[in-house]
Amino acid sequence: QVQLVESGGGLVQAGGSLRLSCAASGRTNSNYFMGWFRQVPGKEREFVAAISSNGGNAGYADSVKGRFTISRDNAKVYLQLNSLKLGDTAVYYCAVGQTPPFYSGTYYSSEGARYHGWGQGTQVTVSS
């Protein structure tokens, strides 16, 4: 079983920046991709960003493209949040998924069902 612990959330004014971190431990290996999702009360969880196992390929939701940057360093994944907007307020979750057999290290997914491990979440609140 894999454990994920997020940190770095907080309260920030619109236009500001935050950096979220997530550390994976337990049953991990080098063949997993990682992602960030977010959720607000009453709404479904939504994809934010993901990065492949080799760190060479990443994808973003249209709503954050150009403002957020995902990166990873072995078993840690980061999400740099810039130019924050009120609509970015949410609980942010880190997740890990296993790269399917026969796929290269550039694989990642925006589908929550492809992830098998989730963190407890960290709150990001953007104020006006």
Protein backbone atom coordinates (compact mmCIF):
# COMPACT_ATOMS: atom_id res chain seq x y z
CA GLN A 1 0.00 0.00 0.00
CA VAL A 2 1.24 3.48 -0.82
CA GLN A 3 0.95 6.46 1.50
CA LEU A 4 0.79 10.01 0.23
CA VAL A 5 1.15 13.12 2.35
CA GLU A 6 0.46 16.58 0.94
CA SER A 7 1.66 19.88 2.33
CA GLY A 8 1.90 23.51 1.31
CA GLY A 9 -1.72 24.57 1.22
CA GLY A 10 -2.94 27.76 2.84
CA LEU A 11 -4.60 31.12 2.43
CA VAL A 12 -3.36 33.40 -0.33
CA GLN A 13 -4.66 36.51 -2.06
CA ALA A 14 -5.76 36.41 -5.65
CA GLY A 15 -2.78 36.75 -7.93
CA GLY A 16 -0.49 35.12 -5.42
CA SER A 17 1.38 31.83 -5.48
CA LEU A 18 1.65 28.62 -3.52
CA ARG A 19 3.69 25.46 -3.86
CA LEU A 20 2.14 22.15 -2.95
CA SER A 21 4.26 19.12 -2.15
CA CYS A 22 3.42 15.46 -1.92
CA ALA A 23 5.63 12.67 -0.64
CA ALA A 24 4.93 9.05 -1.48
CA SER A 25 6.06 6.17 0.71
CA GLY A 26 5.31 2.52 1.21
CA ARG A 27 4.83 0.19 -1.75
CA THR A 28 6.06 2.45 -4.50
CA ASN A 29 8.17 1.72 -7.52
CA SER A 30 9.74 3.61 -10.38
CA ASN A 31 6.91 2.86 -12.79
CA TYR A 32 4.13 5.06 -11.45
CA PHE A 33 2.72 8.34 -12.62
CA MET A 34 1.44 11.01 -10.25
CA GLY A 35 -1.24 13.62 -10.38
CA TRP A 36 -3.10 16.39 -8.61
CA PHE A 37 -6.86 16.69 -8.36
CA ARG A 38 -9.05 19.17 -6.52
CA GLN A 39 -12.53 19.25 -5.09
CA VAL A 40 -14.90 21.81 -3.66
CA PRO A 41 -17.93 20.92 -1.53
CA GLY A 42 -20.89 19.88 -3.62
CA LYS A 43 -18.86 19.36 -6.77
CA GLU A 44 -17.09 16.40 -8.30
CA ARG A 45 -13.39 15.97 -7.98
CA GLU A 46 -11.60 17.43 -10.99
CA PHE A 47 -8.28 16.77 -12.63
CA VAL A 48 -5.64 19.47 -12.27
CA ALA A 49 -2.33 18.10 -13.53
CA ALA A 50 -0.39 14.87 -13.95
CA ILE A 51 3.16 13.82 -14.69
CA SER A 52 4.60 10.62 -16.09
CA SER A 53 6.89 8.19 -14.29
CA ASN A 54 10.00 9.51 -16.03
CA GLY A 55 8.97 13.11 -15.39
CA GLY A 56 9.27 13.91 -19.07
CA ASN A 57 5.60 14.24 -19.90
CA ALA A 58 2.92 16.27 -18.15
CA GLY A 59 -0.63 17.41 -18.75
CA TYR A 60 -2.90 20.07 -17.33
CA ALA A 61 -6.54 20.96 -17.12
CA ASP A 62 -7.40 23.86 -19.41
CA SER A 63 -8.41 25.94 -16.40
CA VAL A 64 -4.88 25.89 -14.96
CA LYS A 65 -2.73 25.66 -18.07
CA GLY A 66 -0.11 28.38 -18.09
CA ARG A 67 -0.55 29.09 -14.39
CA PHE A 68 0.24 25.79 -12.65
CA THR A 69 3.34 23.65 -13.09
CA ILE A 70 3.75 20.05 -11.99
CA SER A 71 7.14 18.51 -11.36
CA ARG A 72 8.54 15.49 -9.59
CA ASP A 73 11.69 14.32 -7.90
CA ASN A 74 11.61 10.55 -7.49
CA ALA A 75 8.87 9.84 -4.96
CA LYS A 76 7.88 13.47 -4.49
CA VAL A 77 5.61 15.51 -6.68
CA TYR A 78 5.11 19.24 -6.61
CA LEU A 79 2.50 21.65 -7.91
CA GLN A 80 3.46 25.28 -8.34
CA LEU A 81 0.36 27.45 -8.34
CA ASN A 82 0.81 30.94 -9.79
CA SER A 83 -1.64 33.72 -10.62
CA LEU A 84 -4.18 32.17 -8.32
CA LYS A 85 -7.85 32.96 -8.81
CA LEU A 86 -10.83 32.74 -6.50
CA GLY A 87 -12.00 29.72 -8.50
CA ASP A 88 -8.85 27.81 -7.52
CA THR A 89 -10.10 27.52 -3.96
CA ALA A 90 -10.45 23.80 -3.21
CA VAL A 91 -8.97 20.85 -1.39
CA TYR A 92 -6.09 19.58 -3.46
CA TYR A 93 -5.31 15.87 -3.53
CA CYS A 94 -2.17 14.12 -4.62
CA ALA A 95 -2.56 10.71 -6.29
CA VAL A 96 -0.42 7.92 -7.69
CA GLY A 97 -1.13 5.42 -10.44
CA GLN A 98 0.66 2.47 -11.94
CA THR A 99 1.79 2.80 -15.52
CA PRO A 100 0.00 0.07 -17.49
CA PRO A 101 2.07 -2.78 -18.98
CA PHE A 102 3.64 -2.05 -22.35
CA TYR A 103 3.25 1.69 -21.91
CA SER A 104 6.32 3.87 -21.83
CA GLY A 105 7.49 6.08 -19.04
CA THR A 106 5.73 8.99 -20.68
CA TYR A 107 2.25 7.76 -19.69
CA TYR A 108 -0.04 9.70 -17.39
CA SER A 109 -3.79 9.94 -16.97
CA SER A 110 -6.36 12.63 -16.20
CA GLU A 111 -8.89 10.02 -15.05
CA GLY A 112 -9.26 9.57 -11.32
CA ALA A 113 -10.10 5.90 -11.78
CA ARG A 114 -6.57 5.27 -13.06
CA TYR A 115 -5.09 6.20 -9.67
CA HIS A 116 -4.88 3.72 -6.82
CA GLY A 117 -3.46 5.83 -4.03
CA TRP A 118 -4.67 9.16 -2.68
CA GLY A 119 -3.48 11.64 -0.09
CA GLN A 120 -5.60 13.21 2.59
CA GLY A 121 -5.76 16.56 0.82
CA THR A 122 -4.53 20.06 1.55
CA GLN A 123 -6.75 23.15 1.56
CA VAL A 124 -6.00 26.03 -0.79
CA THR A 125 -8.05 29.17 -0.19
CA VAL A 126 -7.75 32.17 -2.47
CA SER A 127 -9.15 35.45 -1.14
CA SER A 128 -9.99 38.66 -2.96
